[in-house]
Amino acid sequence: MAIFDKFRPLAEGRKALADSGVDSINVTMSQVLSPTEAIVNGRRTILVGTNNYLGLTFDPDCIEAACRAVREEGTGTTGSRMANGTFHGHVALEHELADFFGCHGAIVFSTGYVANLGMLSALAGPGDVILLDADCHASIYDGCRLSGAEIIRFRHNNPADLAKRLRRLGSRTENSLILVEGIYSMLGDRAPLKEIAQVKSDYGAYLLVDEAHSVGVLGEHGRGLAEEAGVEDQVDFIVGTFSKSLGAIGGYCVSNHPELELVRYASRPYIFTASPSPSIVASTRTALKILRSQPELRHRLWDNAHYLYQSLKEMDFLLGPEVSPIIAVRLARTEEALFLWSGLLERGVYVNLVLPPATPDGNALLRCSVSAGHTRQQVEHISQAFASLRESIRSETDSN
């Protein structure tokens, strides 16, 4: 088998998608106008396929902080912190993250993906056991593989199944790390974290929560699901990203375990990756201040999420199991998903098209990511676009 033969199924799949007239992977925004709008195919388009939950990508203070950092410190760090040195901003951001979460320590990574790779490959190794929710993100799966630990999946959001699998491990539970997410990225559902934390305590395991989609979204102070569930003191490690609510790029881990500091010396993805640029660090620090000081952004986000979720529900779309800024429209037929996605784009609405095997149940879905930056008029436009396409599908079904 030649080295490129493995790509044939991908080429065939891409051609089939292109033949259907849908090119969802190569949507190009010729001009980004605001946190919620861009020019796509020459048309002003509402962005509902981003994770810009608090709408901070165009915040004037974040932009000014980034510009000032570029002027004063340059465009990049040109290497890893281990080899090329640490900038003051890296240390300041880590202190501010630790303070925000009420933890002793924090480590900043170059991306959220690298944060999971870096933490999981350093925390677990041969002889250890990782138990992860079946619907965890690809970065978590990849970090698990890199660790060399034994990997056990438990049923999505099922603490009883987790407990059963821990029980079978016997004394090995003290070498076990449980992995869940605050909000799952495909269906927008929360983990039953209070129950999972109880199972963790019952068996003496460790617990890591990926709060990538939940920081800035959940909790009275925006610290995520652990805060909302009242179990922050039972979570050993929280991993997150700057690329969603904080509107930049990067990742982090916070913890009260003093050993977190040693991860810097054991994590190859941390050691051998270029550190975040000064502008990224500066805009993220400003965005974190805004997240902490402007809870009204979180309230507006949830108002928009409730409005769109209820509107789509009244149209009889099959949605994710609970209201969330991630609203998944689940479709049994791929053809229907393609029709809806194309129709929405023609009506000036960009959402994510997700096809199997990337979906949790083997069916296609359209993922809408609501933002605090969306106006009510924009959310109504999104809803009306779905409604008109729903009517078209019904008319076609009736005629057949």
Protein backbone atom coordinates (compact mmCIF):
# COMPACT_ATOMS: atom_id res chain seq x y z
CA MET A 1 0.00 0.00 0.00
CA ALA A 2 1.48 3.32 -1.08
CA ILE A 3 1.76 6.05 1.49
CA PHE A 4 -1.01 8.14 -0.06
CA ASP A 5 -3.49 5.27 -0.50
CA LYS A 6 -4.95 5.94 2.94
CA PHE A 7 -6.24 9.27 1.65
CA ARG A 8 -8.46 7.73 -1.03
CA PRO A 9 -11.54 7.42 1.23
CA LEU A 10 -11.09 11.05 2.22
CA ALA A 11 -10.81 12.12 -1.42
CA GLU A 12 -13.93 10.16 -2.31
CA GLY A 13 -15.86 11.65 0.59
CA ARG A 14 -14.76 15.16 -0.31
CA LYS A 15 -15.76 14.63 -3.94
CA ALA A 16 -19.18 13.32 -2.92
CA LEU A 17 -19.70 16.42 -0.80
CA ALA A 18 -18.54 18.71 -3.59
CA ASP A 19 -20.82 16.92 -6.10
CA SER A 20 -23.75 17.68 -3.81
CA GLY A 21 -22.94 21.38 -4.14
CA VAL A 22 -21.84 21.73 -0.51
CA ASP A 23 -18.34 22.85 0.40
CA SER A 24 -18.74 23.34 4.13
CA ILE A 25 -15.05 22.84 4.92
CA ASN A 26 -13.80 25.63 2.69
CA VAL A 27 -16.12 28.47 3.60
CA THR A 28 -14.05 31.63 3.24
CA MET A 29 -14.86 34.84 5.00
CA SER A 30 -13.55 37.50 2.63
CA GLN A 31 -14.08 40.14 5.30
CA VAL A 32 -14.87 39.78 9.00
CA LEU A 33 -17.10 42.69 9.99
CA SER A 34 -17.73 42.12 13.68
CA PRO A 35 -17.87 39.29 16.28
CA THR A 36 -21.08 38.09 14.64
CA GLU A 37 -20.91 39.04 10.96
CA ALA A 38 -18.68 38.46 7.93
CA ILE A 39 -18.85 38.62 4.16
CA VAL A 40 -19.26 35.08 2.77
CA ASN A 41 -19.76 34.48 -0.97
CA GLY A 42 -20.18 38.23 -1.38
CA ARG A 43 -23.06 38.27 1.12
CA ARG A 44 -23.33 39.78 4.60
CA THR A 45 -23.63 36.68 6.81
CA ILE A 46 -24.46 36.14 10.47
CA LEU A 47 -21.86 33.89 12.13
CA VAL A 48 -23.44 31.16 14.24
CA GLY A 49 -20.66 28.67 13.63
CA THR A 50 -18.06 30.20 15.94
CA ASN A 51 -17.41 29.72 19.65
CA ASN A 52 -17.24 33.43 20.34
CA TYR A 53 -19.52 33.06 23.35
CA LEU A 54 -18.95 36.48 24.92
CA GLY A 55 -18.36 38.26 21.59
CA LEU A 56 -14.97 39.63 22.66
CA THR A 57 -13.02 39.23 19.41
CA PHE A 58 -13.65 42.85 18.46
CA ASP A 59 -13.60 44.31 21.96
CA PRO A 60 -11.72 47.66 21.71
CA ASP A 61 -9.79 47.11 24.95
CA CYS A 62 -8.63 43.62 23.89
CA ILE A 63 -7.56 44.94 20.49
CA GLU A 64 -5.68 47.88 22.01
CA ALA A 65 -3.90 45.60 24.50
CA ALA A 66 -2.82 43.31 21.66
CA CYS A 67 -1.61 46.21 19.51
CA ARG A 68 0.35 47.71 22.40
CA ALA A 69 2.02 44.36 23.10
CA VAL A 70 3.06 43.99 19.47
CA ARG A 71 4.59 47.46 19.45
CA GLU A 72 6.42 46.96 22.74
CA GLU A 73 7.39 43.25 22.63
CA GLY A 74 7.24 42.21 18.98
CA THR A 75 5.17 39.76 17.01
CA GLY A 76 6.25 36.48 18.61
CA THR A 77 8.41 34.74 21.18
CA THR A 78 10.19 32.65 18.51
CA GLY A 79 10.41 29.54 20.65
CA SER A 80 9.43 27.62 23.76
CA ARG A 81 9.65 29.04 27.26
CA MET A 82 12.06 26.27 28.28
CA ALA A 83 14.53 27.18 25.56
CA ASN A 84 13.85 30.82 24.71
CA GLY A 85 12.70 32.27 28.01
CA THR A 86 9.48 33.41 29.62
CA PHE A 87 7.95 36.82 29.00
CA HIS A 88 6.49 38.80 31.90
CA GLY A 89 3.02 38.44 30.36
CA HIS A 90 3.12 34.64 30.53
CA VAL A 91 3.74 34.75 34.29
CA ALA A 92 1.16 37.48 34.85
CA LEU A 93 -1.50 35.55 32.92
CA GLU A 94 -0.80 32.38 34.90
CA HIS A 95 -1.16 34.29 38.17
CA GLU A 96 -4.42 35.85 36.99
CA LEU A 97 -5.84 32.48 35.90
CA ALA A 98 -4.91 30.90 39.24
CA ASP A 99 -6.54 33.80 41.06
CA PHE A 100 -9.71 33.57 38.94
CA PHE A 101 -10.14 29.86 39.68
CA GLY A 102 -8.97 30.13 43.28
CA CYS A 103 -6.17 27.64 42.63
CA HIS A 104 -2.54 27.58 43.68
CA GLY A 105 -1.08 27.23 40.22
CA ALA A 106 -1.64 27.57 36.47
CA ILE A 107 0.22 26.67 33.30
CA VAL A 108 -0.40 28.35 29.97
CA PHE A 109 -0.13 26.34 26.73
CA SER A 110 -0.04 27.48 23.12
CA THR A 111 -3.50 26.12 22.25
CA GLY A 112 -6.35 24.31 23.98
CA TYR A 113 -5.51 21.20 21.98
CA VAL A 114 -1.91 21.33 23.21
CA ALA A 115 -3.14 21.86 26.77
CA ASN A 116 -4.87 18.50 26.71
CA LEU A 117 -1.94 16.80 25.00
CA GLY A 118 0.49 18.37 27.42
CA MET A 119 -1.43 17.63 30.60
CA LEU A 120 -2.63 14.10 29.82
CA SER A 121 0.70 12.89 28.45
CA ALA A 122 2.45 14.17 31.57
CA LEU A 123 -0.09 13.16 34.22
CA ALA A 124 -0.62 9.54 33.10
CA GLY A 125 1.78 6.94 31.83
CA PRO A 126 2.27 3.20 31.46
CA GLY A 127 0.73 1.45 34.47
CA ASP A 128 -1.87 4.21 34.99
CA VAL A 129 -5.51 4.07 33.92
CA ILE A 130 -7.51 6.81 32.19
CA LEU A 131 -11.30 6.61 32.28
CA LEU A 132 -12.87 9.01 29.84
CA ASP A 133 -16.40 9.87 28.85
CA ALA A 134 -17.11 8.34 25.43
CA ASP A 135 -18.06 11.75 23.96
CA CYS A 136 -14.85 13.53 24.94
CA HIS A 137 -13.13 15.80 22.41
CA ALA A 138 -10.50 14.51 19.98
CA SER A 139 -7.75 16.42 21.82
CA ILE A 140 -8.52 14.38 24.95
CA TYR A 141 -8.38 11.10 23.03
CA ASP A 142 -5.09 12.14 21.43
CA GLY A 143 -3.62 13.14 24.80
CA CYS A 144 -4.64 9.77 26.23
CA ARG A 145 -2.92 7.91 23.41
CA LEU A 146 0.23 9.97 23.88
CA SER A 147 0.33 9.09 27.58
CA GLY A 148 0.75 5.33 27.10
CA ALA A 149 -1.75 4.68 29.91
CA GLU A 150 -4.51 2.07 29.74
CA ILE A 151 -7.61 3.77 28.30
CA ILE A 152 -11.14 2.84 29.37
CA ARG A 153 -14.22 4.58 27.97
CA PHE A 154 -17.39 4.85 30.04
CA ARG A 155 -20.87 5.60 28.73
CA HIS A 156 -21.56 9.26 28.05
CA ASN A 157 -22.79 11.10 31.15
CA ASN A 158 -23.26 7.84 33.05
CA PRO A 159 -21.74 7.97 36.59
CA ALA A 160 -23.02 4.43 37.34
CA ASP A 161 -21.07 3.02 34.41
CA LEU A 162 -18.00 4.95 35.56
CA ALA A 163 -18.36 3.50 39.07
CA LYS A 164 -18.71 -0.02 37.68
CA ARG A 165 -15.50 0.30 35.70
CA LEU A 166 -13.61 1.80 38.63
CA ARG A 167 -14.82 -1.02 40.89
CA ARG A 168 -13.26 -3.57 38.54
CA LEU A 169 -9.86 -1.88 38.87
CA GLY A 170 -9.49 -2.71 42.57
CA SER A 171 -6.41 -1.05 44.07
CA ARG A 172 -5.48 0.48 40.70
CA THR A 173 -8.03 3.24 41.25
CA GLU A 174 -5.36 5.30 43.02
CA ASN A 175 -3.55 5.40 39.67
CA SER A 176 -6.69 6.37 37.78
CA LEU A 177 -7.59 9.67 36.11
CA ILE A 178 -11.20 10.46 35.17
CA LEU A 179 -11.79 12.80 32.21
CA VAL A 180 -15.01 14.67 31.45
CA GLU A 181 -16.03 17.96 29.86
CA GLY A 182 -18.06 20.84 31.28
CA ILE A 183 -20.15 21.28 28.14
CA TYR A 184 -19.78 18.75 25.32
CA SER A 185 -19.02 20.36 22.00
CA MET A 186 -21.37 18.40 19.74
CA LEU A 187 -24.71 18.34 21.60
CA GLY A 188 -24.10 21.12 24.13
CA ASP A 189 -25.01 18.98 27.13
CA ARG A 190 -23.40 19.29 30.57
CA ALA A 191 -21.62 16.49 32.44
CA PRO A 192 -23.41 15.33 35.65
CA LEU A 193 -20.38 16.63 37.50
CA LYS A 194 -21.67 16.46 41.04
CA GLU A 195 -22.36 12.73 40.68
CA ILE A 196 -19.07 12.10 38.87
CA ALA A 197 -17.14 13.95 41.58
CA GLN A 198 -18.83 11.73 44.16
CA VAL A 199 -17.75 8.59 42.28
CA LYS A 200 -14.23 9.99 42.08
CA SER A 201 -14.17 10.53 45.85
CA ASP A 202 -15.66 7.09 46.55
CA TYR A 203 -12.88 5.33 44.64
CA GLY A 204 -9.94 7.64 45.34
CA ALA A 205 -9.27 8.51 41.72
CA TYR A 206 -8.27 11.87 40.23
CA LEU A 207 -10.60 14.08 38.18
CA LEU A 208 -9.78 16.39 35.26
CA VAL A 209 -12.52 18.56 33.73
CA ASP A 210 -12.14 20.20 30.33
CA GLU A 211 -14.06 23.47 30.67
CA ALA A 212 -13.28 24.72 27.14
CA HIS A 213 -16.93 25.42 26.30
CA SER A 214 -18.14 26.22 29.83
CA VAL A 215 -15.77 28.89 31.22
CA GLY A 216 -17.41 32.26 30.70
CA VAL A 217 -20.69 30.43 30.17
CA LEU A 218 -21.56 28.57 33.40
CA GLY A 219 -21.29 29.46 37.08
CA GLU A 220 -22.10 32.63 39.01
CA HIS A 221 -18.63 34.01 38.26
CA GLY A 222 -18.16 32.27 34.90
CA ARG A 223 -15.69 29.66 36.17
CA GLY A 224 -17.54 26.84 34.46
CA LEU A 225 -19.44 23.70 35.39
CA ALA A 226 -17.35 22.91 38.48
CA GLU A 227 -18.45 26.24 39.95
CA GLU A 228 -22.08 25.77 38.89
CA ALA A 229 -22.18 22.25 40.39
CA GLY A 230 -20.45 23.37 43.59
CA VAL A 231 -17.62 20.84 43.30
CA GLU A 232 -14.57 22.98 42.57
CA ASP A 233 -12.79 21.56 45.61
CA GLN A 234 -13.27 18.01 44.29
CA VAL A 235 -11.81 18.65 40.82
CA ASP A 236 -8.06 18.02 40.64
CA PHE A 237 -7.35 19.70 37.30
CA ILE A 238 -9.28 22.14 35.12
CA VAL A 239 -8.20 22.51 31.50
CA GLY A 240 -9.49 25.26 29.24
CA THR A 241 -8.88 27.37 26.19
CA PHE A 242 -8.56 31.03 25.26
CA SER A 243 -10.15 30.43 21.85
CA LYS A 244 -13.78 30.52 22.91
CA SER A 245 -15.10 32.89 25.61
CA LEU A 246 -11.79 34.77 25.74
CA GLY A 247 -11.67 35.36 21.98
CA ALA A 248 -8.01 34.54 21.31
CA ILE A 249 -5.97 31.32 21.04
CA GLY A 250 -4.18 29.31 23.72
CA GLY A 251 -4.88 26.91 26.56
CA TYR A 252 -4.26 26.41 30.26
CA CYS A 253 -4.52 24.10 33.22
CA VAL A 254 -5.15 25.17 36.82
CA SER A 255 -4.84 23.02 39.92
CA ASN A 256 -4.23 23.05 43.65
CA HIS A 257 -1.76 20.17 43.40
CA PRO A 258 1.78 21.56 43.83
CA GLU A 259 2.96 18.91 41.37
CA LEU A 260 1.37 20.96 38.57
CA GLU A 261 4.58 22.99 38.44
CA LEU A 262 6.53 19.80 37.67
CA VAL A 263 4.40 19.21 34.58
CA ARG A 264 6.47 21.91 32.88
CA TYR A 265 9.46 19.54 33.02
CA ALA A 266 7.59 16.38 32.00
CA SER A 267 5.29 17.59 29.23
CA ARG A 268 6.80 17.36 25.77
CA PRO A 269 3.94 19.37 24.16
CA TYR A 270 4.79 22.18 26.62
CA ILE A 271 8.57 21.92 26.36
CA PHE A 272 8.82 21.71 22.58
CA THR A 273 6.13 24.20 21.47
CA ALA A 274 6.55 27.91 20.84
CA SER A 275 4.96 29.92 23.65
CA PRO A 276 1.97 32.23 23.10
CA SER A 277 2.84 35.54 21.45
CA PRO A 278 2.78 38.78 23.49
CA SER A 279 -0.31 40.06 21.66
CA ILE A 280 -2.26 36.88 22.42
CA VAL A 281 -1.29 37.02 26.08
CA ALA A 282 -2.20 40.70 26.32
CA SER A 283 -5.64 40.37 24.70
CA THR A 284 -6.39 37.27 26.79
CA ARG A 285 -5.52 39.06 30.04
CA THR A 286 -7.86 41.90 29.07
CA ALA A 287 -10.62 39.48 28.07
CA LEU A 288 -10.30 37.68 31.41
CA LYS A 289 -10.80 41.00 33.21
CA ILE A 290 -13.92 41.64 31.13
CA LEU A 291 -15.24 38.13 31.82
CA ARG A 292 -14.85 38.78 35.55
CA SER A 293 -16.28 42.29 35.57
CA GLN A 294 -19.16 42.06 33.09
CA PRO A 295 -21.55 39.26 34.07
CA GLU A 296 -24.17 40.90 31.87
CA LEU A 297 -22.41 39.35 28.87
CA ARG A 298 -23.16 35.90 30.27
CA HIS A 299 -26.78 36.86 30.89
CA ARG A 300 -27.17 38.11 27.32
CA LEU A 301 -25.58 34.91 26.00
CA TRP A 302 -28.14 32.79 27.84
CA ASP A 303 -31.03 35.00 26.73
CA ASN A 304 -30.00 34.39 23.12
CA ALA A 305 -29.49 30.66 23.72
CA HIS A 306 -32.95 30.26 25.29
CA TYR A 307 -34.62 32.23 22.50
CA LEU A 308 -33.06 30.25 19.64
CA TYR A 309 -33.41 26.87 21.35
CA GLN A 310 -37.11 27.47 22.05
CA SER A 311 -37.73 28.76 18.52
CA LEU A 312 -36.14 25.69 16.92
CA LYS A 313 -37.94 23.39 19.34
CA GLU A 314 -41.29 24.89 18.32
CA MET A 315 -40.39 24.05 14.70
CA ASP A 316 -40.13 20.39 15.77
CA PHE A 317 -36.43 20.12 15.11
CA LEU A 318 -34.70 17.41 17.14
CA LEU A 319 -32.21 19.29 19.34
CA GLY A 320 -29.56 18.55 21.93
CA PRO A 321 -30.94 17.46 25.32
CA GLU A 322 -30.75 20.83 27.08
CA VAL A 323 -30.56 24.56 26.45
CA SER A 324 -26.99 25.65 25.88
CA PRO A 325 -25.04 28.19 23.80
CA ILE A 326 -24.26 25.15 21.63
CA ILE A 327 -27.54 24.23 19.93
CA ALA A 328 -27.35 21.04 17.89
CA VAL A 329 -30.01 20.45 15.23
CA ARG A 330 -29.93 16.66 14.83
CA LEU A 331 -30.93 15.17 11.49
CA ALA A 332 -31.47 11.54 10.58
CA ARG A 333 -30.76 12.07 6.88
CA THR A 334 -27.48 13.54 5.62
CA GLU A 335 -29.29 14.92 2.56
CA GLU A 336 -31.51 16.99 4.81
CA ALA A 337 -28.47 18.33 6.67
CA LEU A 338 -26.82 19.36 3.41
CA PHE A 339 -30.03 21.04 2.20
CA LEU A 340 -30.43 22.98 5.43
CA TRP A 341 -26.79 24.03 5.64
CA SER A 342 -26.77 25.34 2.05
CA GLY A 343 -30.13 27.03 2.48
CA LEU A 344 -29.02 28.77 5.65
CA LEU A 345 -25.86 30.08 3.98
CA GLU A 346 -27.95 31.39 1.06
CA ARG A 347 -30.08 33.20 3.65
CA GLY A 348 -27.02 34.78 5.26
CA VAL A 349 -26.59 32.38 8.20
CA TYR A 350 -23.41 30.37 8.73
CA VAL A 351 -23.59 27.31 11.01
CA ASN A 352 -21.36 24.24 11.37
CA LEU A 353 -22.19 21.14 9.32
CA VAL A 354 -21.03 18.03 11.18
CA LEU A 355 -21.25 14.63 9.53
CA PRO A 356 -20.55 11.09 10.81
CA PRO A 357 -18.20 9.81 12.16
CA ALA A 358 -17.61 13.16 13.93
CA THR A 359 -21.07 13.08 15.53
CA PRO A 360 -21.87 11.13 18.71
CA ASP A 361 -24.90 9.21 17.43
CA GLY A 362 -23.90 8.51 13.83
CA ASN A 363 -26.34 11.07 12.40
CA ALA A 364 -25.65 14.44 10.86
CA LEU A 365 -26.12 17.66 12.78
CA LEU A 366 -26.00 21.41 12.35
CA ARG A 367 -24.24 23.10 15.23
CA CYS A 368 -25.24 26.63 16.15
CA SER A 369 -23.00 28.52 18.58
CA VAL A 370 -24.83 31.48 20.05
CA SER A 371 -22.95 34.58 21.21
CA ALA A 372 -23.57 37.43 23.61
CA GLY A 373 -22.61 39.57 20.62
CA HIS A 374 -25.71 38.53 18.66
CA THR A 375 -28.46 41.12 18.68
CA ARG A 376 -32.06 40.00 19.11
CA GLN A 377 -32.65 40.99 15.49
CA GLN A 378 -29.86 38.64 14.37
CA VAL A 379 -31.19 35.76 16.44
CA GLU A 380 -34.65 36.33 14.98
CA HIS A 381 -33.14 36.27 11.48
CA ILE A 382 -31.45 32.94 12.26
CA SER A 383 -34.72 31.55 13.54
CA GLN A 384 -36.65 32.78 10.49
CA ALA A 385 -34.08 31.21 8.14
CA PHE A 386 -34.56 27.83 9.81
CA ALA A 387 -38.34 28.28 9.69
CA SER A 388 -38.45 28.97 5.96
CA LEU A 389 -36.31 25.91 5.23
CA ARG A 390 -38.42 23.78 7.55
CA GLU A 391 -41.45 24.81 5.56
CA SER A 392 -39.71 23.89 2.30
CA ILE A 393 -38.92 20.41 3.63
CA ARG A 394 -42.51 19.90 4.76
CA SER A 395 -43.88 21.06 1.41
CA GLU A 396 -41.60 18.68 -0.45
CA THR A 397 -42.50 15.81 1.87
CA ASP A 398 -46.23 16.48 1.43
CA SER A 399 -45.89 16.59 -2.37
CA ASN A 400 -44.21 13.18 -2.34
